[in-house]
N, C-alpha and C. Protein backbone atom coordinates (compact mmCIF):
# COMPACT_ATOMS: atom_id res chain seq x y z
N MET A 1 -0.87 2.61 -24.98
CA MET A 1 -1.15 1.31 -24.37
C MET A 1 0.07 0.88 -23.56
N GLY A 2 -0.16 0.42 -22.36
CA GLY A 2 0.91 0.07 -21.45
C GLY A 2 1.45 -1.32 -21.68
N PRO A 3 2.23 -1.82 -20.74
CA PRO A 3 2.87 -3.13 -20.91
C PRO A 3 1.92 -4.31 -20.77
N TYR A 4 0.65 -4.07 -20.41
CA TYR A 4 -0.31 -5.17 -20.27
C TYR A 4 -1.52 -4.89 -21.18
N PRO A 5 -1.34 -4.98 -22.50
CA PRO A 5 -2.42 -4.64 -23.43
C PRO A 5 -3.58 -5.62 -23.42
N ASP A 6 -3.43 -6.73 -22.70
CA ASP A 6 -4.52 -7.71 -22.61
C ASP A 6 -5.26 -7.61 -21.28
N VAL A 7 -5.07 -6.50 -20.55
CA VAL A 7 -5.67 -6.36 -19.21
C VAL A 7 -6.40 -5.03 -19.10
N THR A 8 -7.61 -5.08 -18.52
CA THR A 8 -8.37 -3.89 -18.14
C THR A 8 -8.18 -3.61 -16.67
N TRP A 9 -7.95 -2.35 -16.32
CA TRP A 9 -7.83 -1.90 -14.93
C TRP A 9 -9.22 -1.50 -14.47
N ALA A 10 -9.83 -2.27 -13.57
CA ALA A 10 -11.21 -2.06 -13.16
C ALA A 10 -11.26 -1.61 -11.70
N VAL A 11 -11.78 -0.41 -11.49
CA VAL A 11 -11.94 0.12 -10.14
C VAL A 11 -13.39 -0.13 -9.72
N ILE A 12 -13.56 -0.87 -8.64
CA ILE A 12 -14.89 -1.27 -8.19
C ILE A 12 -15.38 -0.24 -7.17
N ALA A 13 -16.30 0.62 -7.60
CA ALA A 13 -16.78 1.70 -6.73
C ALA A 13 -18.12 1.38 -6.08
N GLY A 14 -18.84 0.42 -6.59
CA GLY A 14 -20.03 -0.07 -5.91
C GLY A 14 -21.22 0.86 -5.96
N GLY A 15 -21.91 0.95 -4.79
CA GLY A 15 -23.22 1.59 -4.75
C GLY A 15 -23.23 3.01 -4.22
N GLN A 16 -24.14 3.30 -3.29
CA GLN A 16 -24.43 4.67 -2.91
C GLN A 16 -23.51 5.23 -1.82
N ALA A 17 -22.63 4.44 -1.26
CA ALA A 17 -21.67 4.93 -0.26
C ALA A 17 -22.38 5.60 0.90
N ARG A 18 -23.21 4.87 1.60
CA ARG A 18 -23.96 5.45 2.72
C ARG A 18 -23.10 5.62 3.97
N ARG A 19 -21.96 4.93 4.02
CA ARG A 19 -21.07 5.09 5.18
C ARG A 19 -20.18 6.31 4.98
N LEU A 20 -19.47 6.68 6.04
CA LEU A 20 -18.54 7.81 5.99
C LEU A 20 -19.25 9.07 5.50
N SER A 21 -20.38 9.38 6.13
CA SER A 21 -21.16 10.59 5.83
C SER A 21 -21.68 10.61 4.41
N GLY A 22 -21.76 9.44 3.76
CA GLY A 22 -22.29 9.38 2.41
C GLY A 22 -21.32 9.80 1.33
N VAL A 23 -20.07 10.08 1.68
CA VAL A 23 -19.08 10.47 0.68
C VAL A 23 -18.66 9.23 -0.12
N PRO A 24 -18.74 9.26 -1.44
CA PRO A 24 -18.23 8.12 -2.22
C PRO A 24 -16.77 7.85 -1.86
N LYS A 25 -16.47 6.61 -1.55
CA LYS A 25 -15.14 6.32 -1.00
C LYS A 25 -14.00 6.61 -1.96
N GLY A 26 -14.26 6.54 -3.24
CA GLY A 26 -13.22 6.88 -4.20
C GLY A 26 -12.83 8.34 -4.19
N LEU A 27 -13.68 9.19 -3.56
CA LEU A 27 -13.40 10.62 -3.48
C LEU A 27 -12.76 11.02 -2.15
N LEU A 28 -12.61 10.09 -1.22
CA LEU A 28 -11.84 10.38 -0.03
C LEU A 28 -10.42 10.77 -0.45
N GLU A 29 -9.80 11.65 0.32
CA GLU A 29 -8.53 12.23 -0.12
C GLU A 29 -7.36 11.78 0.74
N PHE A 30 -6.25 11.54 0.07
CA PHE A 30 -4.97 11.28 0.72
C PHE A 30 -3.97 12.27 0.14
N GLU A 31 -3.34 13.03 1.02
CA GLU A 31 -2.40 14.08 0.59
C GLU A 31 -3.04 15.01 -0.45
N GLY A 32 -4.33 15.32 -0.22
CA GLY A 32 -5.02 16.29 -1.05
C GLY A 32 -5.52 15.78 -2.38
N ARG A 33 -5.38 14.49 -2.65
CA ARG A 33 -5.83 13.93 -3.92
C ARG A 33 -6.82 12.80 -3.66
N PRO A 34 -7.87 12.67 -4.46
CA PRO A 34 -8.83 11.59 -4.27
C PRO A 34 -8.16 10.22 -4.42
N VAL A 35 -8.67 9.26 -3.66
CA VAL A 35 -8.15 7.90 -3.77
C VAL A 35 -8.23 7.42 -5.21
N LEU A 36 -9.34 7.73 -5.89
CA LEU A 36 -9.47 7.30 -7.28
C LEU A 36 -8.34 7.84 -8.13
N GLU A 37 -7.91 9.06 -7.87
CA GLU A 37 -6.82 9.63 -8.65
C GLU A 37 -5.52 8.86 -8.42
N TRP A 38 -5.28 8.43 -7.18
CA TRP A 38 -4.09 7.61 -6.91
C TRP A 38 -4.16 6.30 -7.69
N LEU A 39 -5.34 5.69 -7.75
CA LEU A 39 -5.49 4.45 -8.49
C LEU A 39 -5.33 4.66 -9.99
N LEU A 40 -5.82 5.80 -10.48
CA LEU A 40 -5.72 6.07 -11.91
C LEU A 40 -4.27 6.31 -12.35
N ALA A 41 -3.39 6.56 -11.40
CA ALA A 41 -1.98 6.70 -11.76
C ALA A 41 -1.42 5.42 -12.36
N LEU A 42 -2.08 4.29 -12.11
CA LEU A 42 -1.65 3.01 -12.67
C LEU A 42 -2.26 2.72 -14.04
N SER A 43 -3.18 3.56 -14.47
CA SER A 43 -3.88 3.32 -15.73
C SER A 43 -2.95 3.11 -16.93
N PRO A 44 -1.81 3.82 -17.03
CA PRO A 44 -0.95 3.62 -18.19
C PRO A 44 -0.43 2.20 -18.37
N LEU A 45 -0.52 1.39 -17.34
CA LEU A 45 -0.07 0.00 -17.46
C LEU A 45 -1.03 -0.85 -18.29
N PHE A 46 -2.25 -0.35 -18.50
CA PHE A 46 -3.32 -1.22 -18.99
C PHE A 46 -3.93 -0.73 -20.31
N ALA A 47 -4.66 -1.62 -20.96
CA ALA A 47 -5.33 -1.28 -22.21
C ALA A 47 -6.44 -0.27 -22.00
N GLU A 48 -7.14 -0.39 -20.88
CA GLU A 48 -8.30 0.46 -20.61
C GLU A 48 -8.53 0.53 -19.12
N THR A 49 -9.15 1.61 -18.68
CA THR A 49 -9.58 1.73 -17.29
C THR A 49 -11.11 1.77 -17.27
N LEU A 50 -11.67 1.02 -16.34
CA LEU A 50 -13.12 0.86 -16.24
C LEU A 50 -13.54 1.17 -14.81
N LEU A 51 -14.61 1.93 -14.65
CA LEU A 51 -15.17 2.21 -13.34
C LEU A 51 -16.49 1.46 -13.20
N VAL A 52 -16.58 0.63 -12.18
CA VAL A 52 -17.83 -0.06 -11.89
C VAL A 52 -18.53 0.72 -10.79
N ALA A 53 -19.63 1.36 -11.14
CA ALA A 53 -20.35 2.20 -10.18
C ALA A 53 -21.82 2.24 -10.55
N ASN A 54 -22.67 1.87 -9.61
CA ASN A 54 -24.10 1.94 -9.87
C ASN A 54 -24.60 3.38 -9.84
N PHE A 55 -23.84 4.26 -9.20
CA PHE A 55 -24.16 5.69 -9.15
C PHE A 55 -22.89 6.44 -9.54
N PRO A 56 -22.59 6.55 -10.84
CA PRO A 56 -21.31 7.08 -11.28
C PRO A 56 -21.20 8.60 -11.29
N GLU A 57 -22.30 9.29 -11.06
CA GLU A 57 -22.30 10.75 -11.21
C GLU A 57 -21.20 11.45 -10.41
N PRO A 58 -20.91 11.06 -9.15
CA PRO A 58 -19.87 11.76 -8.41
C PRO A 58 -18.48 11.66 -9.04
N TYR A 59 -18.31 10.68 -9.92
CA TYR A 59 -17.00 10.46 -10.53
C TYR A 59 -16.92 10.99 -11.97
N ALA A 60 -17.95 11.73 -12.40
CA ALA A 60 -18.04 12.13 -13.80
C ALA A 60 -16.82 12.90 -14.28
N ARG A 61 -16.23 13.70 -13.41
CA ARG A 61 -15.12 14.55 -13.84
C ARG A 61 -13.88 13.77 -14.27
N PHE A 62 -13.82 12.49 -13.93
CA PHE A 62 -12.66 11.69 -14.29
C PHE A 62 -12.75 11.15 -15.71
N GLY A 63 -13.92 11.24 -16.32
CA GLY A 63 -14.07 10.86 -17.72
C GLY A 63 -13.86 9.39 -18.01
N LEU A 64 -14.22 8.53 -17.08
CA LEU A 64 -14.01 7.09 -17.24
C LEU A 64 -15.23 6.41 -17.86
N ARG A 65 -14.99 5.32 -18.56
CA ARG A 65 -16.12 4.47 -18.96
C ARG A 65 -16.66 3.80 -17.71
N ALA A 66 -17.93 4.02 -17.43
CA ALA A 66 -18.54 3.50 -16.21
C ALA A 66 -19.61 2.48 -16.57
N VAL A 67 -19.68 1.42 -15.78
CA VAL A 67 -20.70 0.39 -15.97
C VAL A 67 -21.32 0.07 -14.62
N ALA A 68 -22.57 -0.35 -14.65
CA ALA A 68 -23.29 -0.75 -13.44
C ALA A 68 -23.33 -2.27 -13.34
N ASP A 69 -23.69 -2.74 -12.16
CA ASP A 69 -23.83 -4.18 -11.95
C ASP A 69 -24.86 -4.76 -12.92
N ARG A 70 -24.55 -5.90 -13.49
CA ARG A 70 -25.51 -6.58 -14.35
C ARG A 70 -26.45 -7.47 -13.54
N VAL A 71 -25.97 -7.93 -12.39
CA VAL A 71 -26.82 -8.69 -11.47
C VAL A 71 -26.90 -7.85 -10.19
N PRO A 72 -27.96 -7.07 -10.03
CA PRO A 72 -28.00 -6.10 -8.93
C PRO A 72 -28.04 -6.76 -7.56
N GLY A 73 -27.58 -6.01 -6.58
CA GLY A 73 -27.73 -6.41 -5.19
C GLY A 73 -26.77 -7.47 -4.71
N LYS A 74 -25.65 -7.65 -5.40
CA LYS A 74 -24.72 -8.72 -5.03
C LYS A 74 -23.41 -8.20 -4.44
N GLY A 75 -23.33 -6.90 -4.21
CA GLY A 75 -22.14 -6.35 -3.57
C GLY A 75 -20.90 -6.49 -4.44
N ALA A 76 -19.77 -6.74 -3.77
CA ALA A 76 -18.49 -6.82 -4.49
C ALA A 76 -18.49 -7.91 -5.57
N PRO A 77 -19.06 -9.10 -5.33
CA PRO A 77 -19.09 -10.08 -6.41
C PRO A 77 -19.81 -9.57 -7.65
N GLY A 78 -20.89 -8.83 -7.45
CA GLY A 78 -21.60 -8.24 -8.59
C GLY A 78 -20.77 -7.20 -9.30
N GLY A 79 -19.96 -6.45 -8.53
CA GLY A 79 -19.10 -5.45 -9.14
C GLY A 79 -18.02 -6.05 -10.00
N VAL A 80 -17.37 -7.09 -9.49
CA VAL A 80 -16.33 -7.75 -10.29
C VAL A 80 -16.95 -8.40 -11.51
N HIS A 81 -18.11 -9.02 -11.34
CA HIS A 81 -18.78 -9.63 -12.49
C HIS A 81 -19.09 -8.58 -13.55
N ALA A 82 -19.54 -7.39 -13.14
CA ALA A 82 -19.82 -6.33 -14.11
C ALA A 82 -18.57 -5.94 -14.89
N ALA A 83 -17.43 -5.88 -14.19
CA ALA A 83 -16.18 -5.55 -14.86
C ALA A 83 -15.80 -6.63 -15.87
N LEU A 84 -15.93 -7.88 -15.48
CA LEU A 84 -15.60 -8.98 -16.39
C LEU A 84 -16.50 -8.95 -17.62
N SER A 85 -17.76 -8.63 -17.41
CA SER A 85 -18.72 -8.62 -18.52
C SER A 85 -18.47 -7.48 -19.49
N ALA A 86 -17.97 -6.35 -18.97
CA ALA A 86 -17.81 -5.15 -19.79
C ALA A 86 -16.43 -5.02 -20.42
N ALA A 87 -15.47 -5.81 -19.97
CA ALA A 87 -14.10 -5.67 -20.44
C ALA A 87 -13.96 -6.04 -21.91
N HIS A 88 -13.05 -5.35 -22.59
CA HIS A 88 -12.72 -5.64 -23.98
C HIS A 88 -11.41 -6.42 -24.09
N THR A 89 -10.91 -6.87 -22.96
CA THR A 89 -9.62 -7.58 -22.91
C THR A 89 -9.81 -8.97 -22.33
N GLU A 90 -8.78 -9.77 -22.44
CA GLU A 90 -8.85 -11.16 -21.94
C GLU A 90 -8.85 -11.21 -20.42
N TRP A 91 -8.20 -10.23 -19.80
CA TRP A 91 -8.04 -10.23 -18.34
C TRP A 91 -8.53 -8.92 -17.75
N VAL A 92 -8.89 -8.98 -16.48
CA VAL A 92 -9.32 -7.79 -15.72
C VAL A 92 -8.58 -7.77 -14.39
N MET A 93 -7.92 -6.66 -14.12
CA MET A 93 -7.30 -6.43 -12.82
C MET A 93 -8.27 -5.62 -11.99
N ALA A 94 -8.84 -6.22 -10.93
CA ALA A 94 -9.86 -5.57 -10.13
C ALA A 94 -9.28 -5.04 -8.82
N VAL A 95 -9.68 -3.82 -8.48
CA VAL A 95 -9.23 -3.19 -7.24
C VAL A 95 -10.39 -2.38 -6.69
N ALA A 96 -10.50 -2.33 -5.36
CA ALA A 96 -11.56 -1.55 -4.74
C ALA A 96 -11.21 -0.07 -4.77
N CYS A 97 -12.24 0.77 -4.84
CA CYS A 97 -12.02 2.22 -4.96
C CYS A 97 -11.53 2.84 -3.66
N ASP A 98 -11.53 2.08 -2.56
CA ASP A 98 -11.12 2.63 -1.26
C ASP A 98 -9.74 2.13 -0.83
N MET A 99 -8.90 1.81 -1.81
CA MET A 99 -7.56 1.28 -1.53
C MET A 99 -6.52 2.28 -2.05
N PRO A 100 -6.07 3.20 -1.20
CA PRO A 100 -5.22 4.29 -1.70
C PRO A 100 -3.76 3.94 -1.92
N PHE A 101 -3.31 2.78 -1.45
CA PHE A 101 -1.87 2.52 -1.41
C PHE A 101 -1.43 1.35 -2.29
N VAL A 102 -2.20 1.03 -3.31
CA VAL A 102 -1.86 -0.11 -4.17
C VAL A 102 -0.54 0.17 -4.88
N ALA A 103 0.42 -0.69 -4.66
CA ALA A 103 1.75 -0.50 -5.23
C ALA A 103 1.82 -1.11 -6.63
N PRO A 104 2.40 -0.40 -7.60
CA PRO A 104 2.57 -1.00 -8.93
C PRO A 104 3.29 -2.34 -8.89
N ALA A 105 4.24 -2.48 -7.98
CA ALA A 105 4.98 -3.74 -7.91
C ALA A 105 4.08 -4.89 -7.49
N ALA A 106 3.11 -4.63 -6.62
CA ALA A 106 2.17 -5.68 -6.22
C ALA A 106 1.28 -6.09 -7.38
N VAL A 107 0.85 -5.10 -8.16
CA VAL A 107 0.05 -5.40 -9.34
C VAL A 107 0.84 -6.25 -10.33
N ARG A 108 2.10 -5.92 -10.51
CA ARG A 108 2.93 -6.68 -11.45
C ARG A 108 3.12 -8.12 -10.99
N VAL A 109 3.26 -8.34 -9.69
CA VAL A 109 3.41 -9.71 -9.18
C VAL A 109 2.19 -10.53 -9.57
N LEU A 110 1.01 -9.97 -9.39
CA LEU A 110 -0.21 -10.69 -9.76
C LEU A 110 -0.27 -10.97 -11.25
N LEU A 111 0.00 -9.95 -12.05
CA LEU A 111 -0.12 -10.10 -13.49
C LEU A 111 0.89 -11.09 -14.05
N GLU A 112 2.07 -11.10 -13.47
CA GLU A 112 3.10 -11.99 -13.99
C GLU A 112 2.94 -13.42 -13.50
N ALA A 113 1.98 -13.65 -12.59
CA ALA A 113 1.69 -15.02 -12.14
C ALA A 113 0.59 -15.67 -12.98
N ARG A 114 0.08 -14.94 -13.97
CA ARG A 114 -0.93 -15.54 -14.85
C ARG A 114 -0.31 -16.64 -15.71
N SER A 115 -1.15 -17.57 -16.11
CA SER A 115 -0.70 -18.62 -17.02
C SER A 115 -1.93 -19.21 -17.70
N PRO A 116 -1.74 -19.99 -18.75
CA PRO A 116 -2.89 -20.60 -19.42
C PRO A 116 -3.68 -21.55 -18.52
N GLU A 117 -3.05 -22.00 -17.44
CA GLU A 117 -3.70 -22.98 -16.57
C GLU A 117 -4.55 -22.35 -15.47
N VAL A 118 -4.57 -21.02 -15.37
CA VAL A 118 -5.32 -20.39 -14.28
C VAL A 118 -6.29 -19.36 -14.83
N ASP A 119 -7.35 -19.12 -14.06
CA ASP A 119 -8.37 -18.14 -14.42
C ASP A 119 -8.37 -16.93 -13.51
N ALA A 120 -7.62 -16.99 -12.42
CA ALA A 120 -7.57 -15.87 -11.49
C ALA A 120 -6.30 -15.99 -10.66
N VAL A 121 -5.78 -14.84 -10.24
CA VAL A 121 -4.61 -14.81 -9.36
C VAL A 121 -4.90 -13.80 -8.25
N ALA A 122 -4.66 -14.22 -7.01
CA ALA A 122 -4.88 -13.34 -5.86
C ALA A 122 -3.85 -13.63 -4.79
N PHE A 123 -3.64 -12.68 -3.91
CA PHE A 123 -2.80 -12.89 -2.74
C PHE A 123 -3.63 -13.49 -1.61
N THR A 124 -2.96 -14.16 -0.70
CA THR A 124 -3.55 -14.53 0.58
C THR A 124 -2.77 -13.83 1.68
N VAL A 125 -3.47 -13.28 2.66
CA VAL A 125 -2.86 -12.61 3.81
C VAL A 125 -3.56 -13.11 5.06
N ASP A 126 -2.78 -13.53 6.04
CA ASP A 126 -3.36 -14.11 7.26
C ASP A 126 -4.31 -15.26 6.93
N GLY A 127 -3.99 -16.00 5.88
CA GLY A 127 -4.81 -17.14 5.51
C GLY A 127 -6.08 -16.81 4.76
N ARG A 128 -6.30 -15.53 4.46
CA ARG A 128 -7.52 -15.12 3.75
C ARG A 128 -7.17 -14.57 2.37
N VAL A 129 -7.98 -14.92 1.39
CA VAL A 129 -7.77 -14.44 0.03
C VAL A 129 -8.13 -12.96 -0.05
N GLU A 130 -7.37 -12.22 -0.85
CA GLU A 130 -7.64 -10.79 -1.09
C GLU A 130 -8.26 -10.63 -2.48
N PRO A 131 -9.60 -10.75 -2.60
CA PRO A 131 -10.23 -10.80 -3.92
C PRO A 131 -10.40 -9.45 -4.59
N LEU A 132 -10.19 -8.34 -3.86
CA LEU A 132 -10.31 -7.02 -4.48
C LEU A 132 -8.95 -6.38 -4.72
N LEU A 133 -7.96 -7.21 -4.80
CA LEU A 133 -6.65 -6.86 -5.38
C LEU A 133 -6.22 -8.12 -6.10
N ALA A 134 -6.84 -8.35 -7.26
CA ALA A 134 -6.70 -9.64 -7.93
C ALA A 134 -6.94 -9.48 -9.42
N VAL A 135 -6.47 -10.46 -10.18
CA VAL A 135 -6.65 -10.44 -11.63
C VAL A 135 -7.50 -11.64 -12.04
N TYR A 136 -8.45 -11.39 -12.94
CA TYR A 136 -9.43 -12.39 -13.34
C TYR A 136 -9.49 -12.51 -14.85
N ARG A 137 -9.70 -13.73 -15.32
CA ARG A 137 -9.94 -13.93 -16.74
C ARG A 137 -11.38 -13.49 -17.06
N ALA A 138 -11.55 -12.68 -18.08
CA ALA A 138 -12.86 -12.14 -18.39
C ALA A 138 -13.88 -13.21 -18.73
N SER A 139 -13.43 -14.35 -19.19
CA SER A 139 -14.35 -15.44 -19.54
C SER A 139 -15.08 -16.02 -18.33
N LEU A 140 -14.68 -15.62 -17.12
CA LEU A 140 -15.42 -16.04 -15.93
C LEU A 140 -16.78 -15.36 -15.85
N ALA A 141 -17.00 -14.31 -16.66
CA ALA A 141 -18.24 -13.55 -16.55
C ALA A 141 -19.48 -14.44 -16.71
N ALA A 142 -19.48 -15.31 -17.71
CA ALA A 142 -20.68 -16.12 -17.97
C ALA A 142 -20.99 -17.08 -16.83
N PRO A 143 -20.05 -17.93 -16.41
CA PRO A 143 -20.38 -18.84 -15.31
C PRO A 143 -20.67 -18.12 -14.00
N TRP A 144 -19.95 -17.05 -13.71
CA TRP A 144 -20.20 -16.33 -12.47
C TRP A 144 -21.55 -15.61 -12.51
N GLY A 145 -21.93 -15.12 -13.68
CA GLY A 145 -23.24 -14.49 -13.80
C GLY A 145 -24.36 -15.47 -13.48
N GLU A 146 -24.20 -16.70 -13.93
CA GLU A 146 -25.20 -17.74 -13.64
C GLU A 146 -25.29 -18.01 -12.15
N VAL A 147 -24.14 -18.11 -11.50
CA VAL A 147 -24.12 -18.37 -10.05
C VAL A 147 -24.73 -17.21 -9.29
N LEU A 148 -24.38 -15.99 -9.68
CA LEU A 148 -24.90 -14.81 -8.98
C LEU A 148 -26.41 -14.66 -9.16
N THR A 149 -26.91 -15.06 -10.31
CA THR A 149 -28.34 -14.94 -10.58
C THR A 149 -29.15 -15.84 -9.64
N HIS A 150 -28.54 -16.94 -9.23
CA HIS A 150 -29.27 -17.92 -8.43
C HIS A 150 -28.81 -18.01 -6.98
N GLY A 151 -27.87 -17.17 -6.58
CA GLY A 151 -27.38 -17.26 -5.22
C GLY A 151 -26.63 -16.01 -4.81
N ASN A 152 -26.03 -16.07 -3.63
CA ASN A 152 -25.31 -14.93 -3.08
C ASN A 152 -23.90 -15.35 -2.63
N PRO A 153 -23.08 -15.82 -3.56
CA PRO A 153 -21.75 -16.26 -3.17
C PRO A 153 -20.85 -15.07 -2.84
N SER A 154 -19.85 -15.30 -2.03
CA SER A 154 -18.81 -14.31 -1.80
C SER A 154 -17.79 -14.38 -2.93
N LEU A 155 -16.98 -13.36 -3.05
CA LEU A 155 -15.90 -13.43 -4.03
C LEU A 155 -14.95 -14.57 -3.72
N ARG A 156 -14.68 -14.77 -2.45
CA ARG A 156 -13.80 -15.89 -2.07
C ARG A 156 -14.44 -17.22 -2.48
N GLY A 157 -15.76 -17.31 -2.33
CA GLY A 157 -16.45 -18.53 -2.75
C GLY A 157 -16.38 -18.74 -4.25
N LEU A 158 -16.51 -17.66 -5.01
CA LEU A 158 -16.39 -17.77 -6.46
C LEU A 158 -14.98 -18.19 -6.86
N LEU A 159 -13.99 -17.62 -6.20
CA LEU A 159 -12.60 -18.01 -6.51
C LEU A 159 -12.36 -19.48 -6.22
N ALA A 160 -13.00 -19.99 -5.18
CA ALA A 160 -12.81 -21.39 -4.82
C ALA A 160 -13.37 -22.33 -5.88
N GLN A 161 -14.23 -21.80 -6.75
CA GLN A 161 -14.86 -22.64 -7.78
C GLN A 161 -14.15 -22.56 -9.13
N CYS A 162 -13.07 -21.78 -9.21
CA CYS A 162 -12.38 -21.65 -10.50
C CYS A 162 -10.91 -22.02 -10.33
N ARG A 163 -10.19 -21.98 -11.42
CA ARG A 163 -8.76 -22.31 -11.39
C ARG A 163 -7.98 -21.10 -10.90
N ALA A 164 -7.94 -20.94 -9.59
CA ALA A 164 -7.30 -19.77 -9.00
C ALA A 164 -5.89 -20.11 -8.52
N ARG A 165 -4.98 -19.21 -8.78
CA ARG A 165 -3.63 -19.31 -8.22
C ARG A 165 -3.54 -18.34 -7.05
N LEU A 166 -3.37 -18.87 -5.86
CA LEU A 166 -3.33 -18.06 -4.65
C LEU A 166 -1.88 -17.90 -4.21
N LEU A 167 -1.41 -16.67 -4.27
CA LEU A 167 -0.03 -16.39 -3.94
C LEU A 167 0.11 -16.19 -2.43
N PRO A 168 1.18 -16.69 -1.83
CA PRO A 168 1.33 -16.57 -0.38
C PRO A 168 1.60 -15.13 0.04
N GLU A 169 1.34 -14.86 1.29
CA GLU A 169 1.56 -13.52 1.84
C GLU A 169 2.98 -13.04 1.57
N GLU A 170 3.94 -13.96 1.60
CA GLU A 170 5.34 -13.58 1.38
C GLU A 170 5.56 -12.96 -0.01
N ALA A 171 4.73 -13.37 -0.98
CA ALA A 171 4.87 -12.80 -2.33
C ALA A 171 4.51 -11.33 -2.35
N LEU A 172 3.54 -10.93 -1.53
CA LEU A 172 3.19 -9.52 -1.42
C LEU A 172 4.21 -8.78 -0.56
N ARG A 173 4.63 -9.38 0.55
CA ARG A 173 5.60 -8.72 1.42
C ARG A 173 6.93 -8.47 0.70
N ALA A 174 7.25 -9.28 -0.27
CA ALA A 174 8.52 -9.11 -0.99
C ALA A 174 8.58 -7.76 -1.70
N VAL A 175 7.42 -7.24 -2.09
CA VAL A 175 7.39 -5.95 -2.80
C VAL A 175 6.70 -4.87 -1.99
N ASP A 176 6.04 -5.26 -0.91
CA ASP A 176 5.27 -4.33 -0.07
C ASP A 176 5.37 -4.85 1.37
N PRO A 177 6.48 -4.59 2.04
CA PRO A 177 6.77 -5.25 3.32
C PRO A 177 5.72 -5.06 4.40
N VAL A 178 5.03 -3.92 4.42
CA VAL A 178 4.02 -3.71 5.46
C VAL A 178 2.60 -3.90 4.95
N LEU A 179 2.46 -4.43 3.73
CA LEU A 179 1.16 -4.82 3.17
C LEU A 179 0.19 -3.63 3.01
N ARG A 180 0.72 -2.46 2.72
CA ARG A 180 -0.15 -1.30 2.51
C ARG A 180 -1.06 -1.46 1.31
N SER A 181 -0.64 -2.25 0.32
CA SER A 181 -1.45 -2.39 -0.89
C SER A 181 -2.84 -2.94 -0.60
N ARG A 182 -2.99 -3.69 0.48
CA ARG A 182 -4.28 -4.31 0.77
C ARG A 182 -5.17 -3.46 1.68
N VAL A 183 -4.68 -2.30 2.10
CA VAL A 183 -5.45 -1.44 3.00
C VAL A 183 -6.69 -0.91 2.28
N SER A 184 -7.85 -1.06 2.92
CA SER A 184 -9.07 -0.43 2.44
C SER A 184 -9.63 0.43 3.57
N VAL A 185 -10.27 1.52 3.18
CA VAL A 185 -10.74 2.51 4.14
C VAL A 185 -12.26 2.43 4.21
N ASN A 186 -12.79 2.01 5.35
CA ASN A 186 -14.23 1.78 5.48
C ASN A 186 -14.90 2.56 6.59
N THR A 187 -14.14 3.03 7.57
CA THR A 187 -14.73 3.65 8.76
C THR A 187 -14.00 4.94 9.09
N PRO A 188 -14.61 5.79 9.94
CA PRO A 188 -13.89 6.98 10.41
C PRO A 188 -12.56 6.63 11.09
N GLU A 189 -12.52 5.50 11.76
CA GLU A 189 -11.27 5.07 12.39
C GLU A 189 -10.20 4.78 11.35
N ASP A 190 -10.62 4.20 10.23
CA ASP A 190 -9.67 3.96 9.13
C ASP A 190 -9.13 5.27 8.58
N LEU A 191 -10.01 6.25 8.44
CA LEU A 191 -9.56 7.55 7.95
C LEU A 191 -8.46 8.12 8.84
N ALA A 192 -8.70 8.07 10.13
CA ALA A 192 -7.71 8.63 11.06
C ALA A 192 -6.42 7.83 11.04
N ARG A 193 -6.55 6.53 10.99
CA ARG A 193 -5.36 5.67 11.04
C ARG A 193 -4.45 5.89 9.83
N TRP A 194 -5.05 6.05 8.66
CA TRP A 194 -4.27 6.09 7.43
C TRP A 194 -4.10 7.50 6.86
N GLY A 195 -4.60 8.49 7.58
CA GLY A 195 -4.34 9.87 7.17
C GLY A 195 -5.15 10.35 6.00
N LEU A 196 -6.39 9.88 5.87
CA LEU A 196 -7.28 10.34 4.81
C LEU A 196 -8.29 11.33 5.36
N THR A 197 -8.87 12.12 4.48
CA THR A 197 -9.92 13.04 4.87
C THR A 197 -11.05 12.98 3.85
N GLU A 198 -12.19 13.54 4.26
CA GLU A 198 -13.28 13.73 3.32
C GLU A 198 -12.92 14.88 2.39
N PRO A 199 -13.53 14.93 1.21
CA PRO A 199 -13.18 15.98 0.24
C PRO A 199 -13.32 17.37 0.83
N GLY A 200 -12.30 18.19 0.61
CA GLY A 200 -12.35 19.57 1.05
C GLY A 200 -12.01 19.79 2.51
N VAL A 201 -11.71 18.70 3.25
CA VAL A 201 -11.36 18.83 4.66
C VAL A 201 -9.86 18.77 4.81
N PRO A 202 -9.22 19.76 5.40
CA PRO A 202 -7.76 19.73 5.52
C PRO A 202 -7.31 18.70 6.54
N GLY A 203 -6.07 18.29 6.41
CA GLY A 203 -5.48 17.45 7.43
C GLY A 203 -5.04 16.09 6.99
N ALA A 204 -5.19 15.75 5.71
CA ALA A 204 -4.71 14.44 5.28
C ALA A 204 -3.21 14.41 5.37
N GLY A 205 -2.69 13.41 6.04
CA GLY A 205 -1.25 13.36 6.24
C GLY A 205 -0.64 12.11 5.67
N LYS A 206 0.64 12.12 5.54
CA LYS A 206 1.35 10.97 5.00
C LYS A 206 1.60 9.98 6.12
N ARG A 207 1.23 8.72 5.90
CA ARG A 207 1.40 7.68 6.91
C ARG A 207 2.28 6.57 6.37
């Protein structure tokens, strides 16, 4: 058990990954290793690692506890809600499966900003909240499940309804000057920009 025994590390892998030739984004490779493997390098910090995936079969070789959305069809908010519902810890650190450069120092900044007075901690960059590099109190599962059942809120909208501590961009830049921790890979252009490849394709480079 790592230094945060009250936190679950939750990788949000989502649905069928129809973009990027249908390759599950967690299996995209950087320097020859899947993005998910880079994220799992942080697992020792936490009590447990959880994979949120409605189609977990492509990730079976990683041997993770996998859970599906409890409120289907809600995208990222449904994924985070599933993690909160399934966690065995008081807190959940949520990260998207397509973020290859999450720095341990950035994670620590978020975790160390928790307090009894807050239910979530996230960074803001360019005035926008970064909800898929954030820590959530697991007790948000019940109220958020109710909201998701009756509507289609964004994660930012859900955060606006709870006791969220929003850290300024400077807090992330202090440990990650070029903000690589927030990079997510969604398009072929992103692959080229950040030096990722599809599984089995040579050419992933260090950027």
